[in-house]
């Protein structure tokens, strides 16, 4: 039975990793890091897992950014239940560090708010998406490498 479960994850685990990372990249409280570590332990390919998680989480980030870009501030804040305090904090960080704050969108509690706020500010989409994706890749790579080591990450 255990072997069947592991085989199932090996076959569909990358999609599951991406879907879970997508949910984690929204305001849904899901711990994609735990699933990543589990899948690594089940023997799935570290690079493909890291890329799946990065893609899923980045697509969620695009969703957050576009929510801010296309909708009214009050509507988005009410829908996602974002306090004025969090929005003001995000606005201050963006004012101080600019578009580079998108890199730190992987941070819990504030990451999604940063992207929504960048959307409200009509920030450059291309730069936001690049910085955001690099940050999320950094995060998942760091988790993977800290779990299996640098040699395991590159398959040595």
C-alpha atoms as a PDB file:
ATOM      1  CA  UNK A   1       0.000   0.000   0.000  1.00  0.00           C
ATOM      2  CA  UNK A   2       2.789   2.459   0.880  1.00  0.00           C
ATOM      3  CA  UNK A   3       4.460   1.814  -2.458  1.00  0.00           C
ATOM      4  CA  UNK A   4       1.213   2.602  -4.292  1.00  0.00           C
ATOM      5  CA  UNK A   5       0.894   5.927  -2.494  1.00  0.00           C
ATOM      6  CA  UNK A   6       4.485   6.839  -3.294  1.00  0.00           C
ATOM      7  CA  UNK A   7       3.989   5.865  -6.945  1.00  0.00           C
ATOM      8  CA  UNK A   8       0.842   7.994  -7.084  1.00  0.00           C
ATOM      9  CA  UNK A   9       2.780  10.992  -5.779  1.00  0.00           C
ATOM     10  CA  UNK A  10       5.626  10.367  -8.189  1.00  0.00           C
ATOM     11  CA  UNK A  11       3.173  10.397 -11.070  1.00  0.00           C
ATOM     12  CA  UNK A  12       0.969  13.335 -10.014  1.00  0.00           C
ATOM     13  CA  UNK A  13       3.084  15.021  -7.369  1.00  0.00           C
ATOM     14  CA  UNK A  14       4.371  17.846  -9.550  1.00  0.00           C
ATOM     15  CA  UNK A  15       0.853  18.983 -10.418  1.00  0.00           C
ATOM     16  CA  UNK A  16      -0.152  18.675  -6.758  1.00  0.00           C
ATOM     17  CA  UNK A  17       2.894  20.680  -5.739  1.00  0.00           C
ATOM     18  CA  UNK A  18       2.052  23.438  -8.209  1.00  0.00           C
ATOM     19  CA  UNK A  19      -1.620  23.521  -7.178  1.00  0.00           C
ATOM     20  CA  UNK A  20      -0.752  23.662  -3.480  1.00  0.00           C
ATOM     21  CA  UNK A  21       1.825  26.382  -4.085  1.00  0.00           C
ATOM     22  CA  UNK A  22      -0.813  28.320  -6.034  1.00  0.00           C
ATOM     23  CA  UNK A  23      -3.175  28.189  -3.060  1.00  0.00           C
ATOM     24  CA  UNK A  24      -0.346  29.166  -0.713  1.00  0.00           C
ATOM     25  CA  UNK A  25       0.366  32.197  -2.899  1.00  0.00           C
ATOM     26  CA  UNK A  26      -3.120  33.530  -2.300  1.00  0.00           C
ATOM     27  CA  UNK A  27      -4.668  34.379   1.042  1.00  0.00           C
ATOM     28  CA  UNK A  28      -5.588  30.699   1.591  1.00  0.00           C
ATOM     29  CA  UNK A  29      -3.536  29.452   4.564  1.00  0.00           C
ATOM     30  CA  UNK A  30      -1.790  26.438   3.006  1.00  0.00           C
ATOM     31  CA  UNK A  31       1.768  25.361   3.865  1.00  0.00           C
ATOM     32  CA  UNK A  32       3.269  24.420   0.513  1.00  0.00           C
ATOM     33  CA  UNK A  33       6.675  24.061   2.163  1.00  0.00           C
ATOM     34  CA  UNK A  34       5.495  21.012   4.104  1.00  0.00           C
ATOM     35  CA  UNK A  35       4.284  19.322   0.935  1.00  0.00           C
ATOM     36  CA  UNK A  36       7.547  20.171  -0.825  1.00  0.00           C
ATOM     37  CA  UNK A  37       9.564  18.483   1.936  1.00  0.00           C
ATOM     38  CA  UNK A  38       7.202  15.478   1.868  1.00  0.00           C
ATOM     39  CA  UNK A  39       7.557  15.082  -1.909  1.00  0.00           C
ATOM     40  CA  UNK A  40      11.335  15.381  -1.644  1.00  0.00           C
ATOM     41  CA  UNK A  41      11.258  12.592   0.924  1.00  0.00           C
ATOM     42  CA  UNK A  42       9.112  10.496  -1.419  1.00  0.00           C
ATOM     43  CA  UNK A  43      11.886  10.712  -3.998  1.00  0.00           C
ATOM     44  CA  UNK A  44      10.459  13.153  -6.528  1.00  0.00           C
ATOM     45  CA  UNK A  45      12.930  15.154  -8.615  1.00  0.00           C
ATOM     46  CA  UNK A  46      14.097  18.193  -6.643  1.00  0.00           C
ATOM     47  CA  UNK A  47      14.447  20.523  -9.607  1.00  0.00           C
ATOM     48  CA  UNK A  48      11.015  19.675 -11.039  1.00  0.00           C
ATOM     49  CA  UNK A  49       9.409  20.057  -7.615  1.00  0.00           C
ATOM     50  CA  UNK A  50      11.073  23.421  -7.103  1.00  0.00           C
ATOM     51  CA  UNK A  51       9.962  24.598 -10.548  1.00  0.00           C
ATOM     52  CA  UNK A  52       6.400  23.313 -10.017  1.00  0.00           C
ATOM     53  CA  UNK A  53       6.166  25.136  -6.700  1.00  0.00           C
ATOM     54  CA  UNK A  54       7.644  28.306  -8.192  1.00  0.00           C
ATOM     55  CA  UNK A  55       5.273  28.294 -11.168  1.00  0.00           C
ATOM     56  CA  UNK A  56       2.189  27.644  -9.032  1.00  0.00           C
ATOM     57  CA  UNK A  57       3.112  30.262  -6.456  1.00  0.00           C
ATOM     58  CA  UNK A  58       4.032  32.792  -9.152  1.00  0.00           C
ATOM     59  CA  UNK A  59       0.692  32.320 -10.922  1.00  0.00           C
ATOM     60  CA  UNK A  60      -1.016  33.079  -7.623  1.00  0.00           C
ATOM     61  CA  UNK A  61       1.154  36.169  -7.309  1.00  0.00           C
ATOM     62  CA  UNK A  62       0.021  37.294 -10.756  1.00  0.00           C
ATOM     63  CA  UNK A  63      -3.553  36.821  -9.567  1.00  0.00           C
ATOM     64  CA  UNK A  64      -2.900  38.996  -6.512  1.00  0.00           C
ATOM     65  CA  UNK A  65      -1.203  41.681  -8.615  1.00  0.00           C
ATOM     66  CA  UNK A  66      -4.026  41.717 -11.160  1.00  0.00           C
ATOM     67  CA  UNK A  67      -6.611  41.898  -8.366  1.00  0.00           C
ATOM     68  CA  UNK A  68      -5.031  45.154  -7.282  1.00  0.00           C
ATOM     69  CA  UNK A  69      -4.498  46.342 -10.840  1.00  0.00           C
ATOM     70  CA  UNK A  70      -8.045  45.729 -12.069  1.00  0.00           C
ATOM     71  CA  UNK A  71     -10.267  46.230  -9.031  1.00  0.00           C
ATOM     72  CA  UNK A  72     -11.023  48.975  -6.570  1.00  0.00           C
ATOM     73  CA  UNK A  73      -8.932  49.097  -3.426  1.00  0.00           C
ATOM     74  CA  UNK A  74     -11.877  48.825  -1.046  1.00  0.00           C
ATOM     75  CA  UNK A  75     -13.339  45.844  -2.877  1.00  0.00           C
ATOM     76  CA  UNK A  76     -10.055  43.935  -2.878  1.00  0.00           C
ATOM     77  CA  UNK A  77      -9.370  44.728   0.771  1.00  0.00           C
ATOM     78  CA  UNK A  78     -12.838  43.543   1.751  1.00  0.00           C
ATOM     79  CA  UNK A  79     -12.685  40.394  -0.390  1.00  0.00           C
ATOM     80  CA  UNK A  80      -9.234  39.324   0.835  1.00  0.00           C
ATOM     81  CA  UNK A  81      -9.835  40.694   4.358  1.00  0.00           C
ATOM     82  CA  UNK A  82      -6.746  42.871   4.330  1.00  0.00           C
ATOM     83  CA  UNK A  83      -6.559  45.431   7.109  1.00  0.00           C
ATOM     84  CA  UNK A  84      -5.731  49.081   6.471  1.00  0.00           C
ATOM     85  CA  UNK A  85      -2.682  48.578   8.685  1.00  0.00           C
ATOM     86  CA  UNK A  86      -1.270  45.866   6.375  1.00  0.00           C
ATOM     87  CA  UNK A  87      -1.997  47.930   3.274  1.00  0.00           C
ATOM     88  CA  UNK A  88      -0.277  50.999   4.733  1.00  0.00           C
ATOM     89  CA  UNK A  89       2.721  48.870   5.719  1.00  0.00           C
ATOM     90  CA  UNK A  90       2.948  47.475   2.175  1.00  0.00           C
ATOM     91  CA  UNK A  91       2.608  50.952   0.686  1.00  0.00           C
ATOM     92  CA  UNK A  92       5.457  52.231   2.914  1.00  0.00           C
ATOM     93  CA  UNK A  93       7.730  49.332   1.939  1.00  0.00           C
ATOM     94  CA  UNK A  94       7.030  49.880  -1.752  1.00  0.00           C
ATOM     95  CA  UNK A  95       7.610  53.618  -1.346  1.00  0.00           C
ATOM     96  CA  UNK A  96      10.967  52.915   0.273  1.00  0.00           C
ATOM     97  CA  UNK A  97      12.258  50.012  -1.854  1.00  0.00           C
ATOM     98  CA  UNK A  98      10.297  50.307  -5.094  1.00  0.00           C
ATOM     99  CA  UNK A  99       9.599  47.387  -7.394  1.00  0.00           C
ATOM    100  CA  UNK A 100      12.180  45.223  -5.618  1.00  0.00           C
ATOM    101  CA  UNK A 101       9.564  44.590  -2.949  1.00  0.00           C
ATOM    102  CA  UNK A 102       8.017  42.146  -5.439  1.00  0.00           C
ATOM    103  CA  UNK A 103      11.052  39.900  -4.819  1.00  0.00           C
ATOM    104  CA  UNK A 104       9.921  39.560  -1.197  1.00  0.00           C
ATOM    105  CA  UNK A 105       6.375  38.567  -2.082  1.00  0.00           C
ATOM    106  CA  UNK A 106       7.236  35.071  -0.814  1.00  0.00           C
ATOM    107  CA  UNK A 107       7.133  36.356   2.770  1.00  0.00           C
ATOM    108  CA  UNK A 108       4.194  35.144   4.853  1.00  0.00           C
ATOM    109  CA  UNK A 109       1.470  37.589   5.892  1.00  0.00           C
ATOM    110  CA  UNK A 110       2.721  40.505   3.770  1.00  0.00           C
ATOM    111  CA  UNK A 111       3.742  38.975   0.424  1.00  0.00           C
ATOM    112  CA  UNK A 112       0.300  38.882  -1.149  1.00  0.00           C
ATOM    113  CA  UNK A 113      -0.441  42.364   0.181  1.00  0.00           C
ATOM    114  CA  UNK A 114       2.734  43.695  -1.450  1.00  0.00           C
ATOM    115  CA  UNK A 115       1.627  42.347  -4.820  1.00  0.00           C
ATOM    116  CA  UNK A 116      -1.906  43.685  -4.447  1.00  0.00           C
ATOM    117  CA  UNK A 117      -0.508  47.081  -3.485  1.00  0.00           C
ATOM    118  CA  UNK A 118       1.869  47.044  -6.473  1.00  0.00           C
ATOM    119  CA  UNK A 119      -1.198  46.383  -8.610  1.00  0.00           C
ATOM    120  CA  UNK A 120      -3.012  49.367  -7.092  1.00  0.00           C
ATOM    121  CA  UNK A 121       0.036  51.493  -7.895  1.00  0.00           C
ATOM    122  CA  UNK A 122      -0.012  50.315 -11.518  1.00  0.00           C
ATOM    123  CA  UNK A 123       3.593  49.157 -11.221  1.00  0.00           C
ATOM    124  CA  UNK A 124       5.400  47.834 -14.279  1.00  0.00           C
ATOM    125  CA  UNK A 125       3.890  44.364 -14.799  1.00  0.00           C
ATOM    126  CA  UNK A 126       6.921  42.813 -16.453  1.00  0.00           C
ATOM    127  CA  UNK A 127       9.350  43.912 -13.752  1.00  0.00           C
ATOM    128  CA  UNK A 128       6.982  42.926 -10.949  1.00  0.00           C
ATOM    129  CA  UNK A 129       6.468  39.456 -12.446  1.00  0.00           C
ATOM    130  CA  UNK A 130      10.208  38.923 -12.961  1.00  0.00           C
ATOM    131  CA  UNK A 131      11.203  40.071  -9.450  1.00  0.00           C
ATOM    132  CA  UNK A 132       8.314  38.142  -7.896  1.00  0.00           C
ATOM    133  CA  UNK A 133       9.210  34.914  -9.723  1.00  0.00           C
ATOM    134  CA  UNK A 134      12.887  35.237  -8.802  1.00  0.00           C
ATOM    135  CA  UNK A 135      11.928  35.680  -5.151  1.00  0.00           C
ATOM    136  CA  UNK A 136       9.653  32.662  -5.169  1.00  0.00           C
ATOM    137  CA  UNK A 137      12.296  30.569  -6.950  1.00  0.00           C
ATOM    138  CA  UNK A 138      14.813  31.655  -4.318  1.00  0.00           C
ATOM    139  CA  UNK A 139      12.471  30.625  -1.521  1.00  0.00           C
ATOM    140  CA  UNK A 140      11.613  27.172  -2.876  1.00  0.00           C
ATOM    141  CA  UNK A 141      15.239  26.529  -3.876  1.00  0.00           C
ATOM    142  CA  UNK A 142      16.362  27.426  -0.373  1.00  0.00           C
ATOM    143  CA  UNK A 143      13.818  25.038   1.157  1.00  0.00           C
ATOM    144  CA  UNK A 144      14.806  22.254  -1.233  1.00  0.00           C
ATOM    145  CA  UNK A 145      18.544  22.727  -0.709  1.00  0.00           C
ATOM    146  CA  UNK A 146      18.162  22.921   3.059  1.00  0.00           C
ATOM    147  CA  UNK A 147      16.175  19.671   2.956  1.00  0.00           C
ATOM    148  CA  UNK A 148      18.331  17.533   0.673  1.00  0.00           C
ATOM    149  CA  UNK A 149      21.574  19.478   0.306  1.00  0.00           C
ATOM    150  CA  UNK A 150      23.156  21.186  -2.653  1.00  0.00           C
ATOM    151  CA  UNK A 151      24.436  17.935  -4.161  1.00  0.00           C
ATOM    152  CA  UNK A 152      20.972  16.377  -3.953  1.00  0.00           C
ATOM    153  CA  UNK A 153      19.428  19.403  -5.625  1.00  0.00           C
ATOM    154  CA  UNK A 154      21.633  19.025  -8.676  1.00  0.00           C
ATOM    155  CA  UNK A 155      21.443  15.228  -8.646  1.00  0.00           C
ATOM    156  CA  UNK A 156      25.042  14.443  -7.664  1.00  0.00           C
END
